[in-house]
N, C-alpha and C. Protein backbone atom coordinates (compact mmCIF):
# COMPACT_ATOMS: atom_id res chain seq x y z
N MET A 1 9.48 -28.14 16.55
CA MET A 1 10.52 -27.18 16.83
C MET A 1 9.94 -25.83 16.56
N LYS A 2 10.21 -24.83 17.40
CA LYS A 2 9.78 -23.52 17.32
C LYS A 2 10.57 -22.79 16.14
N VAL A 3 9.86 -21.87 15.53
CA VAL A 3 10.39 -21.17 14.42
C VAL A 3 11.61 -20.35 14.81
N SER A 4 11.53 -19.65 15.97
CA SER A 4 12.64 -18.92 16.49
C SER A 4 13.90 -19.81 16.71
N THR A 5 13.68 -20.95 17.17
CA THR A 5 14.81 -22.01 17.31
C THR A 5 15.44 -22.35 16.05
N ILE A 6 14.59 -22.59 15.04
CA ILE A 6 15.16 -22.89 13.72
C ILE A 6 15.98 -21.83 13.14
N LEU A 7 15.50 -20.49 13.24
CA LEU A 7 16.23 -19.38 12.76
C LEU A 7 17.56 -19.18 13.55
N GLN A 8 17.46 -19.31 14.85
CA GLN A 8 18.59 -19.09 15.72
C GLN A 8 19.70 -20.26 15.49
N ASN A 9 19.28 -21.35 15.24
CA ASN A 9 20.23 -22.42 14.96
C ASN A 9 21.13 -22.11 13.71
N VAL A 10 20.69 -21.31 12.79
CA VAL A 10 21.49 -21.09 11.64
C VAL A 10 22.04 -19.61 11.74
N GLY A 11 21.83 -18.93 12.80
CA GLY A 11 22.40 -17.62 13.00
C GLY A 11 21.51 -16.50 12.59
N ILE A 12 20.24 -16.71 12.30
CA ILE A 12 19.30 -15.59 11.86
C ILE A 12 18.61 -15.05 13.06
N ASP A 13 18.69 -13.70 13.31
CA ASP A 13 17.91 -13.14 14.40
C ASP A 13 16.45 -13.19 13.99
N PRO A 14 15.63 -13.79 14.84
CA PRO A 14 14.22 -13.97 14.57
C PRO A 14 13.48 -12.62 14.58
N ASP A 15 14.09 -11.57 15.24
CA ASP A 15 13.45 -10.23 15.27
C ASP A 15 13.89 -9.38 14.13
N GLU A 16 14.71 -9.85 13.23
CA GLU A 16 15.20 -9.09 12.14
C GLU A 16 14.09 -8.81 11.12
N PRO A 17 13.87 -7.54 10.75
CA PRO A 17 12.83 -7.23 9.73
C PRO A 17 13.22 -7.88 8.32
N VAL A 18 12.18 -8.37 7.70
CA VAL A 18 12.43 -8.98 6.45
C VAL A 18 12.00 -7.96 5.32
N LEU A 19 10.97 -7.19 5.59
CA LEU A 19 10.51 -6.27 4.58
C LEU A 19 10.53 -4.81 5.21
N SER A 20 11.23 -3.90 4.62
CA SER A 20 11.23 -2.63 5.16
C SER A 20 11.00 -1.56 4.02
N ILE A 21 10.08 -0.67 4.27
CA ILE A 21 9.78 0.40 3.24
C ILE A 21 9.41 1.59 4.04
N SER A 22 9.96 2.76 3.57
CA SER A 22 9.77 3.95 4.31
C SER A 22 8.43 4.64 3.92
N ALA A 23 7.89 5.50 4.67
CA ALA A 23 6.68 6.27 4.42
C ALA A 23 6.87 7.01 3.02
N GLU A 24 8.08 7.52 2.84
CA GLU A 24 8.26 8.24 1.61
C GLU A 24 8.24 7.37 0.38
N GLU A 25 8.82 6.22 0.51
CA GLU A 25 8.79 5.25 -0.57
C GLU A 25 7.29 4.75 -0.90
N ALA A 26 6.60 4.54 0.23
CA ALA A 26 5.25 4.09 0.09
C ALA A 26 4.35 5.09 -0.64
N ILE A 27 4.49 6.39 -0.19
CA ILE A 27 3.59 7.41 -0.83
C ILE A 27 4.06 7.68 -2.28
N ASN A 28 5.37 7.60 -2.49
CA ASN A 28 5.90 7.74 -3.91
C ASN A 28 5.37 6.68 -4.85
N ASN A 29 5.29 5.47 -4.37
CA ASN A 29 4.73 4.31 -5.10
C ASN A 29 3.25 4.47 -5.33
N ILE A 30 2.50 4.94 -4.30
CA ILE A 30 1.13 5.21 -4.40
C ILE A 30 0.82 6.33 -5.42
N LEU A 31 1.58 7.38 -5.33
CA LEU A 31 1.46 8.51 -6.28
C LEU A 31 1.67 8.15 -7.71
N GLU A 32 2.58 7.23 -7.97
CA GLU A 32 2.78 6.68 -9.33
C GLU A 32 1.56 6.01 -9.82
N ALA A 33 0.88 5.23 -8.98
CA ALA A 33 -0.39 4.55 -9.31
C ALA A 33 -1.54 5.48 -9.47
N ILE A 34 -1.54 6.49 -8.64
CA ILE A 34 -2.59 7.56 -8.80
C ILE A 34 -2.41 8.27 -10.13
N GLU A 35 -1.22 8.70 -10.51
CA GLU A 35 -1.01 9.22 -11.80
C GLU A 35 -1.54 8.47 -12.98
N GLU A 36 -1.21 7.13 -12.74
CA GLU A 36 -1.57 6.21 -13.86
C GLU A 36 -3.12 5.90 -13.99
N TYR A 37 -3.72 5.76 -12.79
CA TYR A 37 -5.06 5.24 -12.76
C TYR A 37 -6.13 6.22 -12.32
N CYS A 38 -5.91 7.11 -11.51
CA CYS A 38 -6.89 8.09 -10.97
C CYS A 38 -6.23 9.35 -10.51
N PRO A 39 -5.80 10.17 -11.53
CA PRO A 39 -5.16 11.40 -11.31
C PRO A 39 -5.86 12.54 -10.54
N ASN A 40 -7.16 12.30 -10.31
CA ASN A 40 -8.03 13.34 -9.65
C ASN A 40 -7.82 13.30 -8.17
N ILE A 41 -7.23 12.33 -7.55
CA ILE A 41 -7.10 12.30 -6.07
C ILE A 41 -6.14 13.44 -5.59
N GLU A 42 -6.63 14.19 -4.77
CA GLU A 42 -5.82 15.29 -4.04
C GLU A 42 -5.24 14.80 -2.80
N ILE A 43 -4.15 14.05 -2.95
CA ILE A 43 -3.60 13.38 -1.74
C ILE A 43 -3.00 14.43 -0.76
N ASP A 44 -2.64 15.60 -1.27
CA ASP A 44 -2.05 16.64 -0.40
C ASP A 44 -3.17 17.20 0.53
N LYS A 45 -4.39 16.93 0.36
CA LYS A 45 -5.40 17.36 1.24
C LYS A 45 -5.78 16.37 2.38
N MET A 46 -5.16 15.26 2.33
CA MET A 46 -5.47 14.27 3.34
C MET A 46 -4.93 14.58 4.74
N SER A 47 -5.64 14.23 5.77
CA SER A 47 -5.12 14.46 7.19
C SER A 47 -4.06 13.37 7.53
N LYS A 48 -3.41 13.65 8.62
CA LYS A 48 -2.36 12.70 8.99
C LYS A 48 -2.97 11.28 9.25
N LYS A 49 -4.14 11.26 9.83
CA LYS A 49 -4.73 9.97 10.10
C LYS A 49 -5.11 9.31 8.79
N GLU A 50 -5.73 9.94 7.84
CA GLU A 50 -6.06 9.39 6.57
C GLU A 50 -4.81 8.89 5.79
N LEU A 51 -3.78 9.71 5.78
CA LEU A 51 -2.57 9.40 5.09
C LEU A 51 -1.86 8.18 5.71
N LEU A 52 -1.86 8.17 7.00
CA LEU A 52 -1.24 7.01 7.73
C LEU A 52 -2.07 5.74 7.48
N SER A 53 -3.40 5.84 7.45
CA SER A 53 -4.13 4.72 7.08
C SER A 53 -3.92 4.14 5.70
N LEU A 54 -3.68 5.03 4.78
CA LEU A 54 -3.27 4.58 3.42
C LEU A 54 -1.93 3.93 3.34
N ILE A 55 -1.03 4.51 4.05
CA ILE A 55 0.40 3.96 4.12
C ILE A 55 0.41 2.65 4.78
N LEU A 56 -0.18 2.44 5.88
CA LEU A 56 -0.25 1.20 6.58
C LEU A 56 -1.07 0.12 5.72
N CYS A 57 -2.05 0.48 5.06
CA CYS A 57 -2.77 -0.42 4.20
C CYS A 57 -1.83 -0.84 3.07
N TYR A 58 -1.14 0.05 2.53
CA TYR A 58 -0.10 -0.23 1.48
C TYR A 58 0.89 -1.25 1.92
N GLY A 59 1.33 -1.12 3.20
CA GLY A 59 2.35 -2.04 3.78
C GLY A 59 1.72 -3.44 3.76
N ASN A 60 0.53 -3.67 4.10
CA ASN A 60 -0.13 -4.88 4.05
C ASN A 60 -0.23 -5.38 2.60
N CYS A 61 -0.59 -4.50 1.83
CA CYS A 61 -0.70 -5.00 0.28
C CYS A 61 0.62 -5.39 -0.35
N VAL A 62 1.70 -4.74 0.12
CA VAL A 62 3.04 -5.24 -0.38
C VAL A 62 3.17 -6.75 -0.13
N VAL A 63 2.70 -7.22 1.01
CA VAL A 63 2.84 -8.57 1.34
C VAL A 63 1.89 -9.48 0.62
N ASN A 64 0.70 -8.96 0.34
CA ASN A 64 -0.37 -9.84 -0.21
C ASN A 64 -0.52 -9.77 -1.78
N TYR A 65 0.06 -8.84 -2.43
CA TYR A 65 -0.13 -8.72 -3.91
C TYR A 65 1.19 -8.61 -4.57
N HIS A 66 1.20 -9.10 -5.78
CA HIS A 66 2.46 -9.02 -6.63
C HIS A 66 2.62 -7.62 -7.11
N PRO A 67 3.94 -7.24 -7.39
CA PRO A 67 4.23 -5.83 -7.68
C PRO A 67 3.98 -5.43 -9.08
N GLU A 68 3.51 -6.25 -9.96
CA GLU A 68 3.39 -5.89 -11.42
C GLU A 68 2.06 -5.14 -11.60
N ASP A 69 2.12 -4.19 -12.54
CA ASP A 69 0.97 -3.39 -12.89
C ASP A 69 0.34 -2.58 -11.63
N TYR A 70 1.22 -2.23 -10.77
CA TYR A 70 0.74 -1.50 -9.58
C TYR A 70 -0.25 -2.23 -8.71
N HIS A 71 -0.27 -3.49 -8.73
CA HIS A 71 -1.28 -4.19 -7.97
C HIS A 71 -1.31 -3.95 -6.51
N GLN A 72 -0.16 -3.68 -5.93
CA GLN A 72 -0.13 -3.36 -4.43
C GLN A 72 -0.67 -1.95 -4.24
N GLU A 73 -0.26 -1.02 -5.04
CA GLU A 73 -0.85 0.43 -4.90
C GLU A 73 -2.33 0.39 -5.18
N ARG A 74 -2.76 -0.32 -6.22
CA ARG A 74 -4.18 -0.37 -6.62
C ARG A 74 -4.98 -1.00 -5.48
N ALA A 75 -4.41 -2.06 -4.93
CA ALA A 75 -5.15 -2.70 -3.85
C ALA A 75 -5.32 -1.77 -2.66
N ALA A 76 -4.31 -0.95 -2.34
CA ALA A 76 -4.42 0.02 -1.20
C ALA A 76 -5.42 1.07 -1.57
N LEU A 77 -5.43 1.59 -2.77
CA LEU A 77 -6.41 2.55 -3.17
C LEU A 77 -7.92 1.99 -3.08
N LEU A 78 -7.99 0.76 -3.57
CA LEU A 78 -9.31 0.12 -3.57
C LEU A 78 -9.80 -0.08 -2.15
N LYS A 79 -8.93 -0.49 -1.32
CA LYS A 79 -9.29 -0.74 0.13
C LYS A 79 -9.67 0.57 0.85
N ASN A 80 -9.25 1.64 0.34
CA ASN A 80 -9.47 2.93 0.97
C ASN A 80 -10.36 3.78 0.09
N PHE A 81 -11.19 3.15 -0.73
CA PHE A 81 -11.99 3.76 -1.79
C PHE A 81 -12.93 4.88 -1.23
N GLU A 82 -13.63 4.46 -0.23
CA GLU A 82 -14.67 5.41 0.42
C GLU A 82 -13.99 6.69 0.93
N MET A 83 -12.86 6.44 1.66
CA MET A 83 -12.20 7.70 2.23
C MET A 83 -11.62 8.56 1.03
N LEU A 84 -11.07 7.91 -0.03
CA LEU A 84 -10.46 8.62 -1.08
C LEU A 84 -11.39 9.35 -1.98
N LYS A 85 -12.71 9.00 -1.85
CA LYS A 85 -13.80 9.75 -2.64
C LYS A 85 -13.86 11.24 -2.23
N LYS A 86 -13.45 11.51 -0.90
CA LYS A 86 -13.46 12.91 -0.40
C LYS A 86 -12.35 13.75 -1.11
N PHE A 87 -11.39 13.01 -1.68
CA PHE A 87 -10.24 13.67 -2.28
C PHE A 87 -10.15 13.52 -3.85
N GLY A 88 -11.28 13.27 -4.45
CA GLY A 88 -11.37 13.27 -5.89
C GLY A 88 -11.52 11.92 -6.51
N LEU A 89 -11.53 10.84 -5.90
CA LEU A 89 -11.65 9.52 -6.50
C LEU A 89 -13.09 9.31 -6.87
N THR A 90 -13.32 8.87 -8.08
CA THR A 90 -14.76 8.75 -8.56
C THR A 90 -15.10 7.19 -8.80
N ASN A 91 -16.39 7.03 -8.95
CA ASN A 91 -16.83 5.70 -9.17
C ASN A 91 -16.24 5.06 -10.47
N GLU A 92 -16.00 5.94 -11.41
CA GLU A 92 -15.43 5.48 -12.64
C GLU A 92 -14.03 5.09 -12.40
N ASP A 93 -13.30 5.68 -11.44
CA ASP A 93 -11.95 5.26 -11.08
C ASP A 93 -11.89 3.93 -10.50
N TYR A 94 -12.99 3.55 -9.74
CA TYR A 94 -12.98 2.22 -9.18
C TYR A 94 -12.83 1.18 -10.26
N ASN A 95 -13.55 1.29 -11.24
CA ASN A 95 -13.42 0.29 -12.49
C ASN A 95 -12.04 0.34 -13.05
N THR A 96 -11.37 1.48 -13.16
CA THR A 96 -10.06 1.55 -13.69
C THR A 96 -9.06 0.85 -12.82
N LEU A 97 -9.25 1.06 -11.44
CA LEU A 97 -8.34 0.45 -10.48
C LEU A 97 -8.50 -1.08 -10.24
N ASP A 98 -9.81 -1.44 -10.50
CA ASP A 98 -10.17 -2.87 -10.24
C ASP A 98 -9.31 -3.82 -11.07
N PHE A 99 -9.14 -5.03 -10.58
CA PHE A 99 -8.32 -6.03 -11.27
C PHE A 99 -9.00 -6.78 -12.23
N CYS A 100 -10.29 -6.60 -12.37
CA CYS A 100 -11.18 -7.41 -13.42
C CYS A 100 -10.86 -6.93 -14.83
């Protein structure tokens, strides 16, 4: 049986979003992690493309990581480590952000 059929049989719209987060919420959450782990990042100097990349990466991390201890935010920062070095992230910050 198709997934859409299963959902429709019980009255659930298969196209209904399950997880929704605004860009503002995403950046706010990322900023909290930055303040905690790597306050040198100058996020206000990022271009639209760079900021959008970080936001979209964070969206994926929300699905893949649990929310405790800023795991989602830290994962997004780690995945964008090379780009964020232009904005103040240091090699020492990598160790602070890492999950080990």
